[in-house]
């Protein structure tokens, strides 16, 4: 899966015919540009940079598959630069560039932009969740019709999904992003809110996350156990 190549930045977003733009649901997909040595670095420590990149591209394709038909507007937020010719079809995904010095600031900016654009229910996910499907995302949006917030806890103490129907700035500050305390700190911010907790899932960060998962075995043949 080496067909993703960087192109010049997108300039005329208004010409793109995004699907589901009339929806009040917005899905934010945060992604890293898949470049050698710059993604899945903790996984790469075990499997090597090239294999880690191939695995990340596999996860990106999975994320496309589970989101492309979702009944929601969809935005892909790139970490480094916007690529116009990659797996994210511009007819389906509105392409944006993350802004800010840490993950909290970048997510807050995306949520604020979404609410300012008129969306009523907004969810953010990453692009490294093999243990996630379209029904999970649709269910999360359904829960936002009954609750103000929804959160998907990850096994490592973080979260794989965060959704809201109104902006709450506390969720994006004073967090040690990437640390096992993020979920607990976020839930503490929500203690006086009406929220729903989804099923716990596992994201892909290190070798132990995938070593026993059949879908990843073709990438791990060179690993000695």
N, C-alpha and C. Protein backbone atom coordinates (compact mmCIF):
# COMPACT_ATOMS: atom_id res chain seq x y z
N UNK A 1 0.84 -1.20 0.00
CA UNK A 1 0.00 0.00 0.00
C UNK A 1 0.87 1.25 0.00
N UNK A 2 1.60 1.44 -1.08
CA UNK A 2 2.51 2.57 -1.14
C UNK A 2 2.04 3.62 -2.13
N UNK A 3 0.71 3.69 -2.35
CA UNK A 3 0.20 4.58 -3.37
C UNK A 3 -0.13 5.96 -2.86
N UNK A 4 0.08 6.24 -1.57
CA UNK A 4 -0.21 7.56 -1.03
C UNK A 4 0.99 8.46 -1.28
N UNK A 5 0.82 9.50 -2.05
CA UNK A 5 1.91 10.41 -2.34
C UNK A 5 1.49 11.84 -2.06
N UNK A 6 2.40 12.66 -1.52
CA UNK A 6 2.05 14.05 -1.21
C UNK A 6 1.91 14.88 -2.46
N UNK A 7 0.95 15.77 -2.46
CA UNK A 7 0.72 16.70 -3.56
C UNK A 7 0.66 18.11 -3.01
N UNK A 8 0.54 19.07 -3.87
CA UNK A 8 0.43 20.44 -3.41
C UNK A 8 -0.84 20.63 -2.62
N UNK A 9 -0.84 21.61 -1.73
CA UNK A 9 -1.98 21.82 -0.84
C UNK A 9 -3.22 22.22 -1.62
N UNK A 10 -4.34 21.75 -1.10
CA UNK A 10 -5.63 22.07 -1.69
C UNK A 10 -5.95 23.56 -1.57
N UNK A 11 -6.37 24.20 -2.63
CA UNK A 11 -6.61 25.64 -2.62
C UNK A 11 -8.06 26.01 -2.79
N UNK A 12 -8.82 25.20 -3.51
CA UNK A 12 -10.19 25.59 -3.82
C UNK A 12 -11.18 24.62 -3.20
N UNK A 13 -11.26 24.63 -1.86
CA UNK A 13 -12.15 23.69 -1.16
C UNK A 13 -13.60 23.89 -1.57
N UNK A 14 -13.96 25.11 -1.97
CA UNK A 14 -15.35 25.40 -2.31
C UNK A 14 -15.80 24.66 -3.55
N UNK A 15 -14.87 24.16 -4.34
CA UNK A 15 -15.25 23.47 -5.57
C UNK A 15 -15.56 21.99 -5.33
N UNK A 16 -15.28 21.51 -4.13
CA UNK A 16 -15.46 20.10 -3.84
C UNK A 16 -16.90 19.81 -3.46
N UNK A 17 -17.45 18.74 -3.99
CA UNK A 17 -18.84 18.37 -3.72
C UNK A 17 -18.88 17.34 -2.60
N UNK A 18 -18.81 17.77 -1.34
CA UNK A 18 -18.80 16.86 -0.22
C UNK A 18 -20.18 16.22 -0.04
N UNK A 19 -20.18 14.96 0.34
CA UNK A 19 -21.44 14.26 0.60
C UNK A 19 -21.91 14.55 2.01
N UNK A 20 -23.21 14.49 2.21
CA UNK A 20 -23.83 14.68 3.53
C UNK A 20 -23.57 16.06 4.13
N UNK A 21 -23.32 17.06 3.30
CA UNK A 21 -23.05 18.38 3.85
C UNK A 21 -24.28 18.97 4.54
N UNK A 22 -25.48 18.45 4.21
CA UNK A 22 -26.70 18.95 4.84
C UNK A 22 -26.93 18.32 6.21
N UNK A 23 -26.13 17.31 6.54
CA UNK A 23 -26.28 16.63 7.82
C UNK A 23 -25.94 17.55 8.97
N UNK A 24 -26.60 17.34 10.10
CA UNK A 24 -26.26 18.06 11.32
C UNK A 24 -25.18 17.32 12.12
N UNK A 25 -24.79 16.14 11.62
CA UNK A 25 -23.72 15.36 12.24
C UNK A 25 -22.41 15.62 11.52
N UNK A 26 -21.33 15.80 12.28
CA UNK A 26 -20.01 16.00 11.69
C UNK A 26 -19.02 15.05 12.35
N UNK A 27 -18.29 14.31 11.52
CA UNK A 27 -17.23 13.44 12.00
C UNK A 27 -15.89 14.09 11.69
N UNK A 28 -15.08 14.29 12.72
CA UNK A 28 -13.72 14.79 12.57
C UNK A 28 -12.76 13.61 12.64
N UNK A 29 -11.93 13.45 11.63
CA UNK A 29 -10.94 12.37 11.61
C UNK A 29 -9.56 13.00 11.70
N UNK A 30 -8.88 12.77 12.81
CA UNK A 30 -7.53 13.30 12.99
C UNK A 30 -6.52 12.27 12.49
N UNK A 31 -5.63 12.70 11.62
CA UNK A 31 -4.70 11.77 11.01
C UNK A 31 -3.31 12.38 10.89
N UNK A 32 -2.32 11.52 10.94
CA UNK A 32 -0.96 11.94 10.65
C UNK A 32 -0.66 11.65 9.18
N UNK A 33 0.09 12.52 8.55
CA UNK A 33 0.52 12.22 7.19
C UNK A 33 1.40 10.97 7.23
N UNK A 34 1.07 9.96 6.42
CA UNK A 34 1.83 8.70 6.47
C UNK A 34 3.19 8.81 5.80
N UNK A 35 4.18 9.18 6.59
CA UNK A 35 5.54 9.37 6.09
C UNK A 35 6.50 8.52 6.90
N UNK A 36 7.50 7.97 6.22
CA UNK A 36 8.45 7.05 6.85
C UNK A 36 9.15 7.71 8.03
N UNK A 37 9.09 7.03 9.16
CA UNK A 37 9.76 7.51 10.35
C UNK A 37 9.02 8.56 11.13
N UNK A 38 7.82 8.93 10.68
CA UNK A 38 7.08 10.00 11.33
C UNK A 38 5.72 9.56 11.87
N UNK A 39 5.40 8.30 11.76
CA UNK A 39 4.12 7.81 12.28
C UNK A 39 4.33 6.46 12.96
N UNK A 40 3.51 6.21 13.96
CA UNK A 40 3.58 4.97 14.73
C UNK A 40 5.00 4.68 15.21
N UNK A 41 5.62 5.69 15.83
CA UNK A 41 7.02 5.56 16.23
C UNK A 41 7.21 4.54 17.36
N UNK A 42 6.23 4.44 18.26
CA UNK A 42 6.36 3.43 19.33
C UNK A 42 6.24 2.02 18.77
N UNK A 43 5.38 1.84 17.79
CA UNK A 43 5.28 0.55 17.11
C UNK A 43 6.54 0.27 16.31
N UNK A 44 7.08 1.30 15.68
CA UNK A 44 8.28 1.15 14.86
C UNK A 44 9.48 0.70 15.67
N UNK A 45 9.49 0.99 16.97
CA UNK A 45 10.60 0.57 17.82
C UNK A 45 10.75 -0.95 17.82
N UNK A 46 9.66 -1.65 17.55
CA UNK A 46 9.68 -3.12 17.52
C UNK A 46 9.70 -3.66 16.10
N UNK A 47 8.88 -3.10 15.22
CA UNK A 47 8.72 -3.69 13.89
C UNK A 47 9.53 -2.98 12.81
N UNK A 48 10.10 -1.83 13.12
CA UNK A 48 10.85 -1.07 12.12
C UNK A 48 9.99 -0.02 11.45
N UNK A 49 10.63 1.01 10.92
CA UNK A 49 9.90 2.14 10.35
C UNK A 49 9.07 1.76 9.13
N UNK A 50 9.60 0.94 8.25
CA UNK A 50 8.88 0.60 7.03
C UNK A 50 7.64 -0.22 7.32
N UNK A 51 7.74 -1.18 8.20
CA UNK A 51 6.58 -1.99 8.56
C UNK A 51 5.56 -1.15 9.31
N UNK A 52 6.03 -0.29 10.20
CA UNK A 52 5.11 0.60 10.92
C UNK A 52 4.34 1.49 9.95
N UNK A 53 5.01 1.97 8.93
CA UNK A 53 4.33 2.79 7.93
C UNK A 53 3.30 1.97 7.17
N UNK A 54 3.66 0.76 6.78
CA UNK A 54 2.70 -0.10 6.08
C UNK A 54 1.48 -0.40 6.95
N UNK A 55 1.70 -0.64 8.23
CA UNK A 55 0.60 -0.90 9.15
C UNK A 55 -0.28 0.33 9.28
N UNK A 56 0.34 1.49 9.35
CA UNK A 56 -0.45 2.71 9.47
C UNK A 56 -1.28 2.95 8.22
N UNK A 57 -0.73 2.69 7.05
CA UNK A 57 -1.50 2.82 5.81
C UNK A 57 -2.67 1.84 5.80
N UNK A 58 -2.45 0.64 6.33
CA UNK A 58 -3.53 -0.33 6.46
C UNK A 58 -4.64 0.21 7.36
N UNK A 59 -4.25 0.84 8.47
CA UNK A 59 -5.23 1.43 9.39
C UNK A 59 -5.95 2.61 8.75
N UNK A 60 -5.25 3.40 7.96
CA UNK A 60 -5.88 4.51 7.26
C UNK A 60 -6.95 4.00 6.30
N UNK A 61 -6.63 2.95 5.56
CA UNK A 61 -7.60 2.37 4.64
C UNK A 61 -8.82 1.83 5.39
N UNK A 62 -8.58 1.23 6.55
CA UNK A 62 -9.70 0.75 7.37
C UNK A 62 -10.57 1.91 7.80
N UNK A 63 -9.95 3.02 8.18
CA UNK A 63 -10.71 4.19 8.62
C UNK A 63 -11.55 4.76 7.48
N UNK A 64 -10.99 4.77 6.28
CA UNK A 64 -11.77 5.19 5.12
C UNK A 64 -12.99 4.28 4.95
N UNK A 65 -12.77 2.98 5.04
CA UNK A 65 -13.85 2.01 4.82
C UNK A 65 -14.99 2.18 5.81
N UNK A 66 -14.68 2.48 7.07
CA UNK A 66 -15.74 2.54 8.09
C UNK A 66 -16.39 3.92 8.17
N UNK A 67 -15.86 4.89 7.44
CA UNK A 67 -16.42 6.25 7.54
C UNK A 67 -17.03 6.75 6.24
N UNK A 68 -16.64 6.21 5.10
CA UNK A 68 -17.04 6.80 3.81
C UNK A 68 -18.55 6.77 3.59
N UNK A 69 -19.24 5.77 4.16
CA UNK A 69 -20.69 5.66 3.98
C UNK A 69 -21.48 6.11 5.20
N UNK A 70 -20.81 6.67 6.17
CA UNK A 70 -21.47 7.13 7.39
C UNK A 70 -22.40 8.29 7.08
N UNK A 71 -23.56 8.28 7.73
CA UNK A 71 -24.53 9.36 7.52
C UNK A 71 -24.12 10.58 8.33
N UNK A 72 -23.13 11.28 7.83
CA UNK A 72 -22.60 12.47 8.50
C UNK A 72 -21.68 13.19 7.52
N UNK A 73 -21.49 14.47 7.75
CA UNK A 73 -20.43 15.18 7.04
C UNK A 73 -19.10 14.71 7.64
N UNK A 74 -18.06 14.72 6.83
CA UNK A 74 -16.79 14.17 7.28
C UNK A 74 -15.64 15.11 6.94
N UNK A 75 -14.79 15.35 7.91
CA UNK A 75 -13.60 16.17 7.71
C UNK A 75 -12.37 15.37 8.11
N UNK A 76 -11.35 15.42 7.29
CA UNK A 76 -10.06 14.83 7.62
C UNK A 76 -9.10 15.96 7.98
N UNK A 77 -8.54 15.87 9.17
CA UNK A 77 -7.62 16.90 9.65
C UNK A 77 -6.20 16.34 9.64
N UNK A 78 -5.40 16.85 8.72
CA UNK A 78 -4.03 16.37 8.54
C UNK A 78 -3.08 17.01 9.55
N UNK A 79 -2.03 16.29 9.93
CA UNK A 79 -1.09 16.78 10.93
C UNK A 79 -0.06 17.74 10.35
N UNK A 80 0.38 17.50 9.12
CA UNK A 80 1.50 18.26 8.56
C UNK A 80 1.08 19.15 7.39
N UNK A 81 0.43 18.55 6.42
CA UNK A 81 -0.01 19.28 5.23
C UNK A 81 -1.15 18.53 4.58
N UNK A 82 -1.94 19.24 3.83
CA UNK A 82 -3.08 18.63 3.14
C UNK A 82 -2.59 17.99 1.84
N UNK A 83 -2.93 16.72 1.65
CA UNK A 83 -2.60 16.01 0.43
C UNK A 83 -3.87 15.90 -0.41
N UNK A 84 -3.82 16.35 -1.63
CA UNK A 84 -5.02 16.35 -2.47
C UNK A 84 -5.26 15.03 -3.18
N UNK A 85 -4.22 14.24 -3.38
CA UNK A 85 -4.33 12.99 -4.15
C UNK A 85 -3.90 11.83 -3.28
N UNK A 86 -4.82 11.36 -2.42
CA UNK A 86 -4.52 10.24 -1.56
C UNK A 86 -5.79 9.41 -1.37
N UNK A 87 -5.85 8.58 -0.34
CA UNK A 87 -6.99 7.66 -0.18
C UNK A 87 -8.25 8.37 0.28
N UNK A 88 -8.13 9.61 0.76
CA UNK A 88 -9.30 10.37 1.22
C UNK A 88 -9.92 11.09 0.04
N UNK A 89 -10.99 10.52 -0.51
CA UNK A 89 -11.63 11.10 -1.69
C UNK A 89 -12.16 12.49 -1.39
N UNK A 90 -11.77 13.50 -2.19
CA UNK A 90 -12.25 14.86 -1.93
C UNK A 90 -13.75 15.03 -2.17
N UNK A 91 -14.39 14.05 -2.80
CA UNK A 91 -15.85 14.11 -2.98
C UNK A 91 -16.59 13.65 -1.73
N UNK A 92 -15.86 13.05 -0.78
CA UNK A 92 -16.46 12.53 0.45
C UNK A 92 -15.93 13.25 1.68
N UNK A 93 -14.64 13.54 1.68
CA UNK A 93 -13.98 14.09 2.86
C UNK A 93 -13.51 15.52 2.61
N UNK A 94 -13.95 16.42 3.48
CA UNK A 94 -13.48 17.80 3.49
C UNK A 94 -12.10 17.80 4.16
N UNK A 95 -11.10 18.32 3.49
CA UNK A 95 -9.73 18.23 3.99
C UNK A 95 -9.31 19.52 4.69
N UNK A 96 -8.79 19.37 5.92
CA UNK A 96 -8.39 20.51 6.73
C UNK A 96 -6.99 20.25 7.32
N UNK A 97 -6.37 21.31 7.81
CA UNK A 97 -5.05 21.21 8.43
C UNK A 97 -5.16 21.53 9.91
N UNK A 98 -4.64 20.65 10.75
CA UNK A 98 -4.66 20.86 12.20
C UNK A 98 -3.88 22.12 12.55
N UNK A 99 -4.36 22.82 13.57
CA UNK A 99 -3.72 24.06 14.01
C UNK A 99 -3.58 24.07 15.52
N UNK A 100 -2.37 24.32 16.01
CA UNK A 100 -2.15 24.39 17.44
C UNK A 100 -0.92 23.63 17.88
N UNK A 101 -0.45 23.94 19.09
CA UNK A 101 0.79 23.36 19.58
C UNK A 101 0.63 22.01 20.26
N UNK A 102 -0.59 21.66 20.68
CA UNK A 102 -0.80 20.33 21.23
C UNK A 102 -2.14 19.79 20.76
N UNK A 103 -2.36 18.53 21.05
CA UNK A 103 -3.55 17.85 20.55
C UNK A 103 -4.83 18.51 21.04
N UNK A 104 -4.85 18.95 22.29
CA UNK A 104 -6.04 19.59 22.83
C UNK A 104 -6.42 20.84 22.06
N UNK A 105 -5.44 21.69 21.80
CA UNK A 105 -5.71 22.92 21.04
C UNK A 105 -6.20 22.59 19.65
N UNK A 106 -5.60 21.59 19.02
CA UNK A 106 -5.98 21.24 17.65
C UNK A 106 -7.40 20.68 17.59
N UNK A 107 -7.75 19.83 18.56
CA UNK A 107 -9.11 19.30 18.59
C UNK A 107 -10.12 20.39 18.90
N UNK A 108 -9.79 21.24 19.84
CA UNK A 108 -10.70 22.33 20.21
C UNK A 108 -11.00 23.20 18.99
N UNK A 109 -9.97 23.52 18.22
CA UNK A 109 -10.15 24.33 17.02
C UNK A 109 -11.10 23.64 16.04
N UNK A 110 -10.94 22.34 15.84
CA UNK A 110 -11.80 21.60 14.91
C UNK A 110 -13.26 21.60 15.37
N UNK A 111 -13.46 21.37 16.68
CA UNK A 111 -14.83 21.39 17.22
C UNK A 111 -15.44 22.78 17.08
N UNK A 112 -14.69 23.81 17.42
CA UNK A 112 -15.22 25.17 17.35
C UNK A 112 -15.60 25.54 15.91
N UNK A 113 -14.76 25.16 14.97
CA UNK A 113 -15.07 25.41 13.56
C UNK A 113 -16.35 24.69 13.15
N UNK A 114 -16.51 23.45 13.64
CA UNK A 114 -17.69 22.67 13.29
C UNK A 114 -18.97 23.28 13.82
N UNK A 115 -18.95 23.68 15.09
CA UNK A 115 -20.14 24.31 15.65
C UNK A 115 -20.43 25.65 14.99
N UNK A 116 -19.38 26.40 14.67
CA UNK A 116 -19.57 27.69 14.00
C UNK A 116 -20.17 27.52 12.61
N UNK A 117 -19.96 26.34 12.01
CA UNK A 117 -20.50 26.06 10.68
C UNK A 117 -21.94 25.53 10.72
N UNK A 118 -22.48 25.36 11.93
CA UNK A 118 -23.88 24.96 12.06
C UNK A 118 -24.13 23.51 12.39
N UNK A 119 -23.06 22.71 12.57
CA UNK A 119 -23.27 21.31 12.94
C UNK A 119 -23.72 21.23 14.40
N UNK A 120 -24.57 20.26 14.70
CA UNK A 120 -25.16 20.14 16.03
C UNK A 120 -24.56 19.02 16.86
N UNK A 121 -24.08 17.99 16.20
CA UNK A 121 -23.45 16.86 16.89
C UNK A 121 -22.12 16.58 16.21
N UNK A 122 -21.03 16.66 16.98
CA UNK A 122 -19.69 16.51 16.41
C UNK A 122 -18.91 15.46 17.18
N UNK A 123 -18.26 14.58 16.44
CA UNK A 123 -17.46 13.51 17.02
C UNK A 123 -16.07 13.54 16.41
N UNK A 124 -15.07 13.29 17.22
CA UNK A 124 -13.70 13.17 16.73
C UNK A 124 -13.18 11.76 17.00
N UNK A 125 -12.45 11.23 16.02
CA UNK A 125 -11.76 9.95 16.17
C UNK A 125 -10.35 10.11 15.59
N UNK A 126 -9.49 9.17 15.91
CA UNK A 126 -8.20 9.09 15.27
C UNK A 126 -8.27 8.20 14.05
N UNK A 127 -7.13 7.84 13.52
CA UNK A 127 -7.12 7.00 12.31
C UNK A 127 -6.32 5.73 12.54
N UNK A 128 -6.25 5.28 13.80
CA UNK A 128 -5.49 4.07 14.11
C UNK A 128 -6.33 3.05 14.87
N UNK A 129 -7.65 3.05 14.59
CA UNK A 129 -8.56 2.17 15.30
C UNK A 129 -9.03 1.03 14.41
N UNK A 130 -8.36 -0.12 14.49
CA UNK A 130 -8.84 -1.29 13.76
C UNK A 130 -10.07 -1.87 14.44
N UNK A 131 -10.16 -1.68 15.75
CA UNK A 131 -11.26 -2.23 16.56
C UNK A 131 -12.45 -1.27 16.59
N UNK A 132 -12.89 -0.83 15.40
CA UNK A 132 -13.97 0.13 15.28
C UNK A 132 -14.64 -0.07 13.93
N UNK A 133 -15.97 0.10 13.87
CA UNK A 133 -16.66 -0.03 12.59
C UNK A 133 -17.71 1.06 12.43
N UNK A 134 -18.39 1.07 11.29
CA UNK A 134 -19.36 2.12 10.98
C UNK A 134 -20.52 2.12 11.97
N UNK A 135 -20.97 0.96 12.39
CA UNK A 135 -22.08 0.89 13.34
C UNK A 135 -21.72 1.55 14.67
N UNK A 136 -20.46 1.40 15.08
CA UNK A 136 -20.01 2.04 16.32
C UNK A 136 -20.14 3.55 16.22
N UNK A 137 -19.76 4.09 15.08
CA UNK A 137 -19.82 5.53 14.88
C UNK A 137 -21.25 6.02 14.80
N UNK A 138 -22.10 5.26 14.09
CA UNK A 138 -23.50 5.64 14.00
C UNK A 138 -24.17 5.60 15.37
N UNK A 139 -23.79 4.61 16.16
CA UNK A 139 -24.33 4.51 17.52
C UNK A 139 -23.90 5.70 18.37
N UNK A 140 -22.66 6.14 18.20
CA UNK A 140 -22.17 7.29 18.97
C UNK A 140 -22.97 8.54 18.64
N UNK A 141 -23.28 8.74 17.35
CA UNK A 141 -24.11 9.89 16.96
C UNK A 141 -25.52 9.76 17.54
N UNK A 142 -26.05 8.56 17.56
CA UNK A 142 -27.38 8.34 18.14
C UNK A 142 -27.40 8.69 19.62
N UNK A 143 -26.33 8.35 20.33
CA UNK A 143 -26.25 8.65 21.76
C UNK A 143 -26.20 10.15 22.00
N UNK A 144 -25.66 10.90 21.05
CA UNK A 144 -25.60 12.36 21.19
C UNK A 144 -26.97 13.02 21.04
N UNK A 145 -27.97 12.27 20.59
CA UNK A 145 -29.33 12.80 20.57
C UNK A 145 -29.97 12.70 21.94
N UNK A 146 -29.40 11.84 22.79
CA UNK A 146 -29.95 11.64 24.14
C UNK A 146 -29.03 12.19 25.24
N UNK A 147 -27.78 12.45 24.89
CA UNK A 147 -26.80 12.93 25.85
C UNK A 147 -26.05 14.12 25.26
N UNK A 148 -25.45 14.92 26.12
CA UNK A 148 -24.68 16.07 25.64
C UNK A 148 -23.28 15.69 25.19
N UNK A 149 -22.77 14.58 25.77
CA UNK A 149 -21.41 14.15 25.44
C UNK A 149 -21.38 12.63 25.33
N UNK A 150 -20.43 12.15 24.55
CA UNK A 150 -20.20 10.71 24.43
C UNK A 150 -18.70 10.49 24.36
N UNK A 151 -18.24 9.42 25.00
CA UNK A 151 -16.81 9.15 25.02
C UNK A 151 -16.56 7.66 24.89
N UNK A 152 -15.54 7.31 24.11
CA UNK A 152 -15.16 5.92 23.92
C UNK A 152 -13.83 5.65 24.60
N UNK A 153 -13.82 4.94 25.71
CA UNK A 153 -12.58 4.70 26.46
C UNK A 153 -11.66 3.71 25.75
N UNK A 154 -10.39 4.03 25.73
CA UNK A 154 -9.39 3.12 25.16
C UNK A 154 -8.73 2.32 26.29
N UNK A 155 -8.21 1.17 25.95
CA UNK A 155 -7.63 0.29 26.96
C UNK A 155 -6.40 0.89 27.63
N UNK A 156 -5.76 1.85 26.96
CA UNK A 156 -4.52 2.41 27.51
C UNK A 156 -4.75 3.60 28.42
N UNK A 157 -6.02 3.91 28.74
CA UNK A 157 -6.30 5.00 29.64
C UNK A 157 -6.61 6.31 28.95
N UNK A 158 -6.63 6.29 27.64
CA UNK A 158 -7.05 7.46 26.87
C UNK A 158 -8.46 7.24 26.34
N UNK A 159 -8.80 7.92 25.26
CA UNK A 159 -10.08 7.66 24.61
C UNK A 159 -9.89 7.64 23.10
N UNK A 160 -10.73 6.82 22.43
CA UNK A 160 -10.64 6.70 20.99
C UNK A 160 -11.69 7.54 20.28
N UNK A 161 -12.65 8.06 21.04
CA UNK A 161 -13.74 8.84 20.46
C UNK A 161 -14.24 9.84 21.50
N UNK A 162 -14.49 11.05 21.04
CA UNK A 162 -15.11 12.06 21.88
C UNK A 162 -16.15 12.80 21.05
N UNK A 163 -17.36 12.91 21.60
CA UNK A 163 -18.42 13.61 20.88
C UNK A 163 -19.17 14.57 21.79
N UNK A 164 -19.75 15.59 21.19
CA UNK A 164 -20.50 16.56 21.98
C UNK A 164 -21.51 17.29 21.11
N UNK A 165 -22.54 17.82 21.75
CA UNK A 165 -23.50 18.64 21.02
C UNK A 165 -23.43 20.10 21.44
N UNK A 166 -22.44 20.41 22.27
CA UNK A 166 -22.10 21.79 22.59
C UNK A 166 -20.64 21.83 23.02
N UNK A 167 -19.97 22.92 22.75
CA UNK A 167 -18.54 23.00 23.01
C UNK A 167 -18.27 23.19 24.50
N UNK A 168 -17.33 22.39 25.02
CA UNK A 168 -16.92 22.49 26.42
C UNK A 168 -15.40 22.62 26.46
N UNK A 169 -14.88 23.83 26.64
CA UNK A 169 -13.44 24.05 26.52
C UNK A 169 -12.60 23.30 27.54
N UNK A 170 -13.16 22.98 28.71
CA UNK A 170 -12.39 22.29 29.74
C UNK A 170 -11.85 20.94 29.26
N UNK A 171 -12.52 20.34 28.30
CA UNK A 171 -12.12 19.01 27.84
C UNK A 171 -10.77 19.02 27.11
N UNK A 172 -10.31 20.18 26.72
CA UNK A 172 -9.14 20.26 25.85
C UNK A 172 -7.92 20.91 26.52
N UNK A 173 -8.02 21.20 27.79
CA UNK A 173 -6.91 21.84 28.49
C UNK A 173 -6.52 21.02 29.72
N UNK A 174 -5.28 21.25 30.17
CA UNK A 174 -4.74 20.58 31.36
C UNK A 174 -4.84 19.06 31.25
N UNK A 175 -4.49 18.55 30.08
CA UNK A 175 -4.42 17.11 29.85
C UNK A 175 -3.01 16.73 29.43
N UNK A 176 -2.52 15.64 29.96
CA UNK A 176 -1.23 15.10 29.55
C UNK A 176 -1.46 14.13 28.40
N UNK A 177 -1.60 14.69 27.19
CA UNK A 177 -1.99 13.91 26.03
C UNK A 177 -1.02 12.75 25.78
N UNK A 178 -1.58 11.58 25.54
CA UNK A 178 -0.77 10.39 25.34
C UNK A 178 -0.50 9.64 26.64
N UNK A 179 -0.97 10.19 27.75
CA UNK A 179 -0.78 9.58 29.06
C UNK A 179 -2.03 8.81 29.48
N UNK A 180 -1.85 7.86 30.38
CA UNK A 180 -2.96 7.01 30.83
C UNK A 180 -3.97 7.74 31.69
N UNK A 181 -3.72 9.00 32.02
CA UNK A 181 -4.64 9.77 32.86
C UNK A 181 -5.68 10.54 32.05
N UNK A 182 -5.58 10.55 30.73
CA UNK A 182 -6.44 11.41 29.91
C UNK A 182 -7.92 11.07 30.08
N UNK A 183 -8.26 9.79 30.06
CA UNK A 183 -9.67 9.41 30.21
C UNK A 183 -10.21 9.84 31.57
N UNK A 184 -9.49 9.55 32.63
CA UNK A 184 -9.96 9.89 33.98
C UNK A 184 -10.13 11.40 34.12
N UNK A 185 -9.17 12.15 33.59
CA UNK A 185 -9.27 13.61 33.69
C UNK A 185 -10.45 14.14 32.88
N UNK A 186 -10.70 13.53 31.75
CA UNK A 186 -11.83 13.97 30.91
C UNK A 186 -13.16 13.64 31.57
N UNK A 187 -13.26 12.46 32.14
CA UNK A 187 -14.49 12.09 32.84
C UNK A 187 -14.72 13.00 34.05
N UNK A 188 -13.66 13.43 34.67
CA UNK A 188 -13.80 14.36 35.79
C UNK A 188 -14.39 15.69 35.32
N UNK A 189 -13.99 16.12 34.12
CA UNK A 189 -14.56 17.34 33.54
C UNK A 189 -16.05 17.18 33.23
N UNK A 190 -16.47 15.94 33.03
CA UNK A 190 -17.86 15.68 32.63
C UNK A 190 -18.75 15.26 33.80
N UNK A 191 -18.23 15.32 35.01
CA UNK A 191 -18.96 14.76 36.15
C UNK A 191 -20.31 15.41 36.40
N UNK A 192 -20.48 16.65 35.96
CA UNK A 192 -21.76 17.34 36.14
C UNK A 192 -22.56 17.43 34.85
N UNK A 193 -22.15 16.64 33.86
CA UNK A 193 -22.79 16.67 32.54
C UNK A 193 -23.54 15.36 32.29
N UNK A 194 -24.41 15.41 31.30
CA UNK A 194 -25.10 14.21 30.86
C UNK A 194 -24.29 13.59 29.74
N UNK A 195 -23.68 12.43 30.04
CA UNK A 195 -22.80 11.81 29.04
C UNK A 195 -23.01 10.30 28.99
N UNK A 196 -22.54 9.71 27.90
CA UNK A 196 -22.66 8.27 27.70
C UNK A 196 -21.27 7.70 27.41
N UNK A 197 -20.96 6.59 28.05
CA UNK A 197 -19.68 5.92 27.82
C UNK A 197 -19.89 4.72 26.89
N UNK A 198 -19.15 4.68 25.81
CA UNK A 198 -19.22 3.59 24.85
C UNK A 198 -18.40 2.40 25.35
N UNK A 199 -18.41 1.32 24.59
CA UNK A 199 -17.60 0.15 24.93
C UNK A 199 -16.11 0.48 24.83
N UNK A 200 -15.34 -0.12 25.71
CA UNK A 200 -13.89 0.07 25.67
C UNK A 200 -13.30 -0.61 24.44
N UNK A 201 -12.38 0.05 23.78
CA UNK A 201 -11.73 -0.49 22.59
C UNK A 201 -10.22 -0.29 22.69
N UNK A 202 -9.51 -0.95 21.78
CA UNK A 202 -8.05 -0.89 21.77
C UNK A 202 -7.56 -0.17 20.53
N UNK A 203 -6.78 0.89 20.70
CA UNK A 203 -6.16 1.52 19.54
C UNK A 203 -4.79 0.89 19.32
N UNK A 204 -4.14 1.23 18.23
CA UNK A 204 -2.88 0.60 17.86
C UNK A 204 -1.74 1.58 18.09
N UNK A 205 -0.97 1.32 19.12
CA UNK A 205 0.18 2.16 19.44
C UNK A 205 1.49 1.39 19.49
N UNK A 206 1.43 0.17 20.03
CA UNK A 206 2.65 -0.62 20.23
C UNK A 206 2.44 -2.03 19.70
N UNK A 207 3.52 -2.78 19.62
CA UNK A 207 3.50 -4.14 19.07
C UNK A 207 2.50 -5.03 19.79
N UNK A 208 2.42 -4.89 21.11
CA UNK A 208 1.52 -5.74 21.89
C UNK A 208 0.06 -5.54 21.53
N UNK A 209 -0.26 -4.40 20.94
CA UNK A 209 -1.65 -4.12 20.54
C UNK A 209 -2.08 -4.97 19.34
N UNK A 210 -1.12 -5.45 18.56
CA UNK A 210 -1.47 -6.15 17.31
C UNK A 210 -0.88 -7.55 17.18
N UNK A 211 -0.01 -7.94 18.09
CA UNK A 211 0.74 -9.19 17.90
C UNK A 211 -0.14 -10.42 17.80
N UNK A 212 -1.35 -10.37 18.39
CA UNK A 212 -2.24 -11.53 18.35
C UNK A 212 -3.47 -11.31 17.47
N UNK A 213 -3.46 -10.23 16.68
CA UNK A 213 -4.59 -9.92 15.81
C UNK A 213 -4.30 -10.45 14.41
N UNK A 214 -5.19 -11.30 13.91
CA UNK A 214 -4.94 -11.99 12.65
C UNK A 214 -4.68 -11.04 11.48
N UNK A 215 -5.41 -9.94 11.42
CA UNK A 215 -5.30 -9.02 10.29
C UNK A 215 -3.90 -8.44 10.14
N UNK A 216 -3.13 -8.40 11.22
CA UNK A 216 -1.79 -7.79 11.17
C UNK A 216 -0.67 -8.81 10.97
N UNK A 217 -1.00 -10.08 10.98
CA UNK A 217 0.05 -11.09 10.89
C UNK A 217 0.90 -10.99 9.62
N UNK A 218 0.34 -10.66 8.45
CA UNK A 218 1.20 -10.52 7.27
C UNK A 218 2.31 -9.49 7.43
N UNK A 219 2.11 -8.52 8.30
CA UNK A 219 3.11 -7.47 8.52
C UNK A 219 4.16 -7.87 9.57
N UNK A 220 3.90 -8.96 10.28
CA UNK A 220 4.73 -9.29 11.45
C UNK A 220 5.54 -10.57 11.26
N UNK A 221 5.61 -11.08 10.05
CA UNK A 221 6.28 -12.35 9.80
C UNK A 221 7.77 -12.30 10.17
N UNK A 222 8.37 -11.11 10.12
CA UNK A 222 9.80 -10.99 10.39
C UNK A 222 10.12 -10.85 11.87
N UNK A 223 9.06 -10.75 12.69
CA UNK A 223 9.28 -10.56 14.13
C UNK A 223 9.53 -11.91 14.78
N UNK A 224 10.62 -11.99 15.52
CA UNK A 224 10.95 -13.23 16.22
C UNK A 224 10.32 -13.22 17.60
N UNK A 225 9.60 -14.26 17.92
CA UNK A 225 8.96 -14.34 19.24
C UNK A 225 9.63 -15.37 20.13
